[in-house]
Amino acid sequence: MDFPDQLRYSKDHEWIRVEEDGKTAVVGISAFAQGELGDIVFVELEDVDSAIGKDEPFGTVEAVKTVSELFMPVAGTIIAHNDALEDNPELINNSPYEDGWMVKISLDDPAQVNELMAAADYATMVGQ
């Protein structure tokens, strides 16, 4: 299973990638999470301009087997959605770290990212 080193991971299986400006980040779910969920058929996300606290829900993902909440790994404000997921939610299954990203956020406190797990620690947590 793939856990890119340039990402940070939450205990709830979300990943975050800080952009070059250091103030914005992209969030999605890990390959482990999408594998556990199975075929994803629908994604519902909080509105753009919604301020979401650390560990607060920012949406849900519906798979054939279940519906699961998505939790924000750090505090921030949603500045964009991955609109491609509306018609193609399976992008999360096919490309969880690239095409299957979910939201872009403006970080409240970029230092919070350092509190998240590195790839090796996340891999250990999920038994890989």
N, C-alpha and C. Protein backbone atom coordinates (compact mmCIF):
# COMPACT_ATOMS: atom_id res chain seq x y z
N MET A 1 0.84 -1.17 0.00
CA MET A 1 0.00 0.00 0.00
C MET A 1 0.89 1.24 0.00
N ASP A 2 0.46 2.25 -0.69
CA ASP A 2 1.27 3.45 -0.91
C ASP A 2 0.87 4.56 0.05
N PHE A 3 1.86 5.12 0.76
CA PHE A 3 1.68 6.29 1.62
C PHE A 3 2.79 7.28 1.29
N PRO A 4 2.52 8.24 0.39
CA PRO A 4 3.57 9.17 -0.03
C PRO A 4 4.21 9.91 1.14
N ASP A 5 5.54 10.01 1.10
CA ASP A 5 6.30 10.64 2.17
C ASP A 5 6.05 12.13 2.32
N GLN A 6 5.66 12.81 1.24
CA GLN A 6 5.50 14.27 1.31
C GLN A 6 4.17 14.66 1.98
N LEU A 7 3.35 13.68 2.33
CA LEU A 7 2.06 13.95 2.97
C LEU A 7 2.16 13.69 4.47
N ARG A 8 1.20 14.25 5.22
CA ARG A 8 1.02 13.95 6.64
C ARG A 8 -0.35 13.28 6.76
N TYR A 9 -0.51 12.46 7.80
CA TYR A 9 -1.69 11.63 7.94
C TYR A 9 -2.32 11.78 9.32
N SER A 10 -3.65 11.69 9.37
CA SER A 10 -4.36 11.77 10.65
C SER A 10 -4.76 10.37 11.11
N LYS A 11 -5.11 10.26 12.38
CA LYS A 11 -5.57 8.99 12.93
C LYS A 11 -6.89 8.56 12.28
N ASP A 12 -7.60 9.50 11.67
CA ASP A 12 -8.88 9.22 11.00
C ASP A 12 -8.70 8.90 9.52
N HIS A 13 -7.45 8.75 9.08
CA HIS A 13 -7.11 8.30 7.72
C HIS A 13 -7.23 9.37 6.64
N GLU A 14 -7.23 10.64 7.04
CA GLU A 14 -7.12 11.71 6.05
C GLU A 14 -5.65 12.05 5.86
N TRP A 15 -5.34 12.55 4.67
CA TRP A 15 -3.98 13.04 4.40
C TRP A 15 -4.06 14.52 4.09
N ILE A 16 -2.92 15.17 4.24
CA ILE A 16 -2.83 16.59 3.95
C ILE A 16 -1.49 16.88 3.27
N ARG A 17 -1.55 17.73 2.26
CA ARG A 17 -0.34 18.17 1.56
C ARG A 17 -0.32 19.70 1.58
N VAL A 18 0.67 20.27 2.23
CA VAL A 18 0.80 21.73 2.28
C VAL A 18 1.38 22.20 0.95
N GLU A 19 0.76 23.24 0.39
CA GLU A 19 1.21 23.80 -0.87
C GLU A 19 2.47 24.65 -0.64
N GLU A 20 3.12 25.03 -1.73
CA GLU A 20 4.39 25.77 -1.65
C GLU A 20 4.28 27.09 -0.89
N ASP A 21 3.10 27.71 -0.90
CA ASP A 21 2.95 28.99 -0.20
C ASP A 21 2.95 28.84 1.33
N GLY A 22 2.81 27.60 1.82
CA GLY A 22 2.82 27.34 3.25
C GLY A 22 1.55 27.73 3.97
N LYS A 23 0.58 28.27 3.24
CA LYS A 23 -0.66 28.76 3.85
C LYS A 23 -1.89 27.99 3.43
N THR A 24 -1.76 27.22 2.35
CA THR A 24 -2.88 26.42 1.86
C THR A 24 -2.47 24.95 1.82
N ALA A 25 -3.48 24.10 1.82
CA ALA A 25 -3.22 22.66 1.82
C ALA A 25 -4.35 21.94 1.11
N VAL A 26 -4.05 20.75 0.64
CA VAL A 26 -5.00 19.87 -0.02
C VAL A 26 -5.24 18.69 0.92
N VAL A 27 -6.51 18.25 1.01
CA VAL A 27 -6.89 17.17 1.93
C VAL A 27 -7.64 16.09 1.16
N GLY A 28 -7.38 14.84 1.53
CA GLY A 28 -8.10 13.71 0.96
C GLY A 28 -8.06 12.54 1.94
N ILE A 29 -8.46 11.36 1.48
CA ILE A 29 -8.37 10.16 2.33
C ILE A 29 -7.29 9.24 1.80
N SER A 30 -6.73 8.46 2.69
CA SER A 30 -5.60 7.60 2.35
C SER A 30 -6.02 6.39 1.52
N ALA A 31 -5.04 5.77 0.90
CA ALA A 31 -5.27 4.54 0.15
C ALA A 31 -5.83 3.46 1.07
N PHE A 32 -5.37 3.44 2.31
CA PHE A 32 -5.90 2.47 3.28
C PHE A 32 -7.40 2.71 3.49
N ALA A 33 -7.78 3.98 3.72
CA ALA A 33 -9.19 4.30 3.98
C ALA A 33 -10.07 3.94 2.79
N GLN A 34 -9.66 4.31 1.59
CA GLN A 34 -10.50 4.01 0.43
C GLN A 34 -10.60 2.50 0.22
N GLY A 35 -9.53 1.78 0.55
CA GLY A 35 -9.57 0.32 0.44
C GLY A 35 -10.54 -0.31 1.42
N GLU A 36 -10.58 0.24 2.63
CA GLU A 36 -11.51 -0.25 3.64
C GLU A 36 -12.95 0.08 3.29
N LEU A 37 -13.18 1.23 2.70
CA LEU A 37 -14.53 1.65 2.33
C LEU A 37 -15.08 0.85 1.16
N GLY A 38 -14.23 0.51 0.22
CA GLY A 38 -14.68 -0.15 -1.00
C GLY A 38 -15.03 0.88 -2.06
N ASP A 39 -15.87 0.50 -3.01
CA ASP A 39 -16.20 1.38 -4.13
C ASP A 39 -16.97 2.61 -3.66
N ILE A 40 -16.39 3.77 -3.86
CA ILE A 40 -17.00 5.03 -3.44
C ILE A 40 -17.96 5.50 -4.52
N VAL A 41 -19.19 5.82 -4.09
CA VAL A 41 -20.24 6.17 -5.05
C VAL A 41 -20.72 7.62 -4.91
N PHE A 42 -20.40 8.29 -3.79
CA PHE A 42 -20.88 9.65 -3.59
C PHE A 42 -20.03 10.34 -2.53
N VAL A 43 -19.77 11.64 -2.75
CA VAL A 43 -19.03 12.45 -1.79
C VAL A 43 -19.83 13.72 -1.54
N GLU A 44 -20.02 14.07 -0.28
CA GLU A 44 -20.68 15.32 0.08
C GLU A 44 -19.73 16.11 0.97
N LEU A 45 -19.45 17.36 0.59
CA LEU A 45 -18.48 18.18 1.30
C LEU A 45 -19.12 19.46 1.81
N GLU A 46 -18.58 19.98 2.91
CA GLU A 46 -19.04 21.26 3.43
C GLU A 46 -18.78 22.34 2.37
N ASP A 47 -19.52 23.42 2.46
CA ASP A 47 -19.44 24.49 1.47
C ASP A 47 -18.09 25.20 1.48
N VAL A 48 -17.72 25.73 0.32
CA VAL A 48 -16.57 26.62 0.24
C VAL A 48 -16.84 27.79 1.18
N ASP A 49 -15.80 28.28 1.83
CA ASP A 49 -15.84 29.35 2.84
C ASP A 49 -16.26 28.85 4.22
N SER A 50 -16.48 27.54 4.37
CA SER A 50 -16.78 26.98 5.70
C SER A 50 -15.50 26.87 6.49
N ALA A 51 -15.52 27.39 7.71
CA ALA A 51 -14.39 27.24 8.64
C ALA A 51 -14.61 25.96 9.41
N ILE A 52 -13.61 25.07 9.37
CA ILE A 52 -13.71 23.76 10.01
C ILE A 52 -12.59 23.62 11.02
N GLY A 53 -12.93 23.24 12.24
CA GLY A 53 -11.92 23.03 13.27
C GLY A 53 -11.20 21.70 13.10
N LYS A 54 -10.07 21.58 13.75
CA LYS A 54 -9.30 20.33 13.73
C LYS A 54 -10.17 19.20 14.28
N ASP A 55 -10.19 18.08 13.59
CA ASP A 55 -10.95 16.88 13.94
C ASP A 55 -12.46 17.04 13.81
N GLU A 56 -12.93 18.14 13.21
CA GLU A 56 -14.37 18.31 12.97
C GLU A 56 -14.72 17.76 11.60
N PRO A 57 -15.96 17.29 11.41
CA PRO A 57 -16.37 16.76 10.11
C PRO A 57 -16.37 17.84 9.03
N PHE A 58 -15.88 17.45 7.84
CA PHE A 58 -15.94 18.37 6.69
C PHE A 58 -16.72 17.77 5.53
N GLY A 59 -17.34 16.61 5.78
CA GLY A 59 -18.15 15.98 4.75
C GLY A 59 -18.34 14.51 5.05
N THR A 60 -18.93 13.83 4.06
CA THR A 60 -19.12 12.38 4.15
C THR A 60 -18.76 11.75 2.82
N VAL A 61 -18.40 10.50 2.90
CA VAL A 61 -18.13 9.71 1.70
C VAL A 61 -19.01 8.46 1.79
N GLU A 62 -19.72 8.19 0.69
CA GLU A 62 -20.61 7.05 0.66
C GLU A 62 -20.02 5.99 -0.25
N ALA A 63 -19.90 4.80 0.31
CA ALA A 63 -19.41 3.66 -0.47
C ALA A 63 -20.54 2.64 -0.57
N VAL A 64 -20.33 1.60 -1.36
CA VAL A 64 -21.33 0.56 -1.51
C VAL A 64 -21.67 -0.04 -0.14
N LYS A 65 -20.65 -0.18 0.72
CA LYS A 65 -20.82 -0.83 2.02
C LYS A 65 -21.32 0.09 3.13
N THR A 66 -20.96 1.38 3.10
CA THR A 66 -21.17 2.23 4.26
C THR A 66 -21.10 3.71 3.91
N VAL A 67 -21.47 4.54 4.87
CA VAL A 67 -21.27 5.99 4.79
C VAL A 67 -20.32 6.35 5.93
N SER A 68 -19.32 7.16 5.63
CA SER A 68 -18.32 7.50 6.63
C SER A 68 -18.10 9.01 6.65
N GLU A 69 -17.96 9.57 7.87
CA GLU A 69 -17.65 10.99 7.98
C GLU A 69 -16.18 11.23 7.65
N LEU A 70 -15.92 12.43 7.15
CA LEU A 70 -14.56 12.89 6.86
C LEU A 70 -14.20 13.91 7.93
N PHE A 71 -13.01 13.80 8.51
CA PHE A 71 -12.61 14.69 9.59
C PHE A 71 -11.40 15.53 9.17
N MET A 72 -11.49 16.83 9.40
CA MET A 72 -10.42 17.75 9.03
C MET A 72 -9.19 17.50 9.91
N PRO A 73 -8.04 17.22 9.30
CA PRO A 73 -6.85 16.92 10.10
C PRO A 73 -6.26 18.13 10.82
N VAL A 74 -6.54 19.33 10.32
CA VAL A 74 -6.08 20.59 10.93
C VAL A 74 -7.19 21.62 10.75
N ALA A 75 -7.14 22.69 11.52
CA ALA A 75 -8.14 23.75 11.39
C ALA A 75 -7.88 24.57 10.12
N GLY A 76 -8.98 24.91 9.43
CA GLY A 76 -8.84 25.72 8.23
C GLY A 76 -10.18 26.07 7.63
N THR A 77 -10.12 26.84 6.57
CA THR A 77 -11.31 27.26 5.84
C THR A 77 -11.25 26.66 4.44
N ILE A 78 -12.33 26.02 4.03
CA ILE A 78 -12.39 25.41 2.70
C ILE A 78 -12.40 26.52 1.65
N ILE A 79 -11.44 26.43 0.73
CA ILE A 79 -11.37 27.44 -0.34
C ILE A 79 -11.69 26.85 -1.72
N ALA A 80 -11.73 25.51 -1.82
CA ALA A 80 -12.07 24.86 -3.09
C ALA A 80 -12.45 23.42 -2.84
N HIS A 81 -13.31 22.92 -3.73
CA HIS A 81 -13.67 21.49 -3.77
C HIS A 81 -13.06 20.88 -5.01
N ASN A 82 -12.89 19.58 -4.99
CA ASN A 82 -12.53 18.85 -6.20
C ASN A 82 -13.83 18.56 -6.94
N ASP A 83 -14.22 19.44 -7.84
CA ASP A 83 -15.50 19.32 -8.54
C ASP A 83 -15.60 18.04 -9.37
N ALA A 84 -14.47 17.47 -9.74
CA ALA A 84 -14.49 16.24 -10.54
C ALA A 84 -15.13 15.08 -9.77
N LEU A 85 -15.15 15.16 -8.45
CA LEU A 85 -15.73 14.07 -7.66
C LEU A 85 -17.25 14.00 -7.78
N GLU A 86 -17.89 15.10 -8.18
CA GLU A 86 -19.34 15.09 -8.34
C GLU A 86 -19.78 14.02 -9.35
N ASP A 87 -19.12 13.99 -10.49
CA ASP A 87 -19.48 13.03 -11.54
C ASP A 87 -18.64 11.76 -11.49
N ASN A 88 -17.49 11.82 -10.81
CA ASN A 88 -16.57 10.68 -10.79
C ASN A 88 -16.02 10.43 -9.38
N PRO A 89 -16.87 10.05 -8.41
CA PRO A 89 -16.37 9.81 -7.06
C PRO A 89 -15.36 8.66 -6.99
N GLU A 90 -15.37 7.80 -8.00
CA GLU A 90 -14.43 6.68 -8.04
C GLU A 90 -12.98 7.14 -8.19
N LEU A 91 -12.77 8.41 -8.51
CA LEU A 91 -11.39 8.94 -8.55
C LEU A 91 -10.69 8.72 -7.21
N ILE A 92 -11.45 8.73 -6.13
CA ILE A 92 -10.87 8.49 -4.81
C ILE A 92 -10.30 7.08 -4.73
N ASN A 93 -11.00 6.11 -5.30
CA ASN A 93 -10.50 4.73 -5.31
C ASN A 93 -9.31 4.58 -6.25
N ASN A 94 -9.38 5.22 -7.40
CA ASN A 94 -8.36 5.04 -8.43
C ASN A 94 -7.09 5.85 -8.18
N SER A 95 -7.22 7.01 -7.53
CA SER A 95 -6.09 7.92 -7.37
C SER A 95 -6.28 8.76 -6.10
N PRO A 96 -6.20 8.12 -4.91
CA PRO A 96 -6.52 8.85 -3.68
C PRO A 96 -5.63 10.04 -3.38
N TYR A 97 -4.39 10.04 -3.88
CA TYR A 97 -3.46 11.12 -3.55
C TYR A 97 -3.31 12.17 -4.64
N GLU A 98 -3.84 11.91 -5.80
CA GLU A 98 -3.70 12.86 -6.91
C GLU A 98 -5.09 13.34 -7.36
N ASP A 99 -5.73 12.60 -8.25
CA ASP A 99 -7.01 13.02 -8.81
C ASP A 99 -8.15 12.96 -7.80
N GLY A 100 -8.01 12.16 -6.75
CA GLY A 100 -9.09 11.97 -5.78
C GLY A 100 -9.03 12.86 -4.56
N TRP A 101 -8.28 13.96 -4.61
CA TRP A 101 -8.27 14.90 -3.48
C TRP A 101 -9.68 15.44 -3.27
N MET A 102 -9.95 15.95 -2.08
CA MET A 102 -11.32 16.37 -1.76
C MET A 102 -11.49 17.88 -1.64
N VAL A 103 -10.70 18.50 -0.76
CA VAL A 103 -10.83 19.94 -0.55
C VAL A 103 -9.46 20.59 -0.48
N LYS A 104 -9.45 21.88 -0.81
CA LYS A 104 -8.28 22.72 -0.59
C LYS A 104 -8.67 23.68 0.52
N ILE A 105 -7.77 23.89 1.48
CA ILE A 105 -8.08 24.74 2.62
C ILE A 105 -7.02 25.82 2.80
N SER A 106 -7.46 26.90 3.44
CA SER A 106 -6.55 27.92 3.94
C SER A 106 -6.28 27.53 5.40
N LEU A 107 -5.01 27.31 5.73
CA LEU A 107 -4.65 26.83 7.06
C LEU A 107 -4.80 27.93 8.11
N ASP A 108 -5.44 27.61 9.24
CA ASP A 108 -5.50 28.55 10.37
C ASP A 108 -4.15 28.65 11.04
N ASP A 109 -3.50 27.50 11.25
CA ASP A 109 -2.21 27.44 11.93
C ASP A 109 -1.35 26.37 11.25
N PRO A 110 -0.49 26.77 10.32
CA PRO A 110 0.32 25.79 9.59
C PRO A 110 1.12 24.84 10.49
N ALA A 111 1.44 25.27 11.71
CA ALA A 111 2.20 24.41 12.62
C ALA A 111 1.42 23.16 13.02
N GLN A 112 0.09 23.18 12.93
CA GLN A 112 -0.71 21.99 13.27
C GLN A 112 -0.35 20.79 12.39
N VAL A 113 0.10 21.06 11.18
CA VAL A 113 0.45 19.97 10.26
C VAL A 113 1.56 19.10 10.86
N ASN A 114 2.48 19.73 11.60
CA ASN A 114 3.60 18.99 12.19
C ASN A 114 3.16 18.02 13.28
N GLU A 115 1.93 18.17 13.78
CA GLU A 115 1.40 17.27 14.80
C GLU A 115 0.88 15.97 14.20
N LEU A 116 0.71 15.94 12.89
CA LEU A 116 0.19 14.75 12.21
C LEU A 116 1.30 13.74 11.95
N MET A 117 0.90 12.51 11.60
CA MET A 117 1.85 11.42 11.40
C MET A 117 2.57 11.53 10.07
N ALA A 118 3.85 11.19 10.09
CA ALA A 118 4.62 10.99 8.87
C ALA A 118 4.17 9.66 8.25
N ALA A 119 4.53 9.44 7.00
CA ALA A 119 4.10 8.25 6.27
C ALA A 119 4.47 6.95 7.00
N ALA A 120 5.69 6.86 7.51
CA ALA A 120 6.13 5.62 8.18
C ALA A 120 5.31 5.36 9.44
N ASP A 121 5.00 6.41 10.19
CA ASP A 121 4.19 6.24 11.40
C ASP A 121 2.77 5.83 11.05
N TYR A 122 2.21 6.41 10.00
CA TYR A 122 0.87 6.04 9.58
C TYR A 122 0.84 4.59 9.11
N ALA A 123 1.83 4.19 8.34
CA ALA A 123 1.91 2.81 7.86
C ALA A 123 1.95 1.83 9.03
N THR A 124 2.70 2.18 10.06
CA THR A 124 2.75 1.33 11.26
C THR A 124 1.37 1.27 11.92
N MET A 125 0.70 2.42 12.02
CA MET A 125 -0.62 2.46 12.67
C MET A 125 -1.62 1.54 11.96
N VAL A 126 -1.58 1.50 10.64
CA VAL A 126 -2.54 0.68 9.89
C VAL A 126 -2.04 -0.74 9.64
N GLY A 127 -0.89 -1.06 10.22
CA GLY A 127 -0.38 -2.43 10.12
C GLY A 127 0.30 -2.77 8.83
N GLN A 128 0.91 -1.78 8.16
CA GLN A 128 1.61 -2.03 6.89
C GLN A 128 3.10 -2.08 7.09
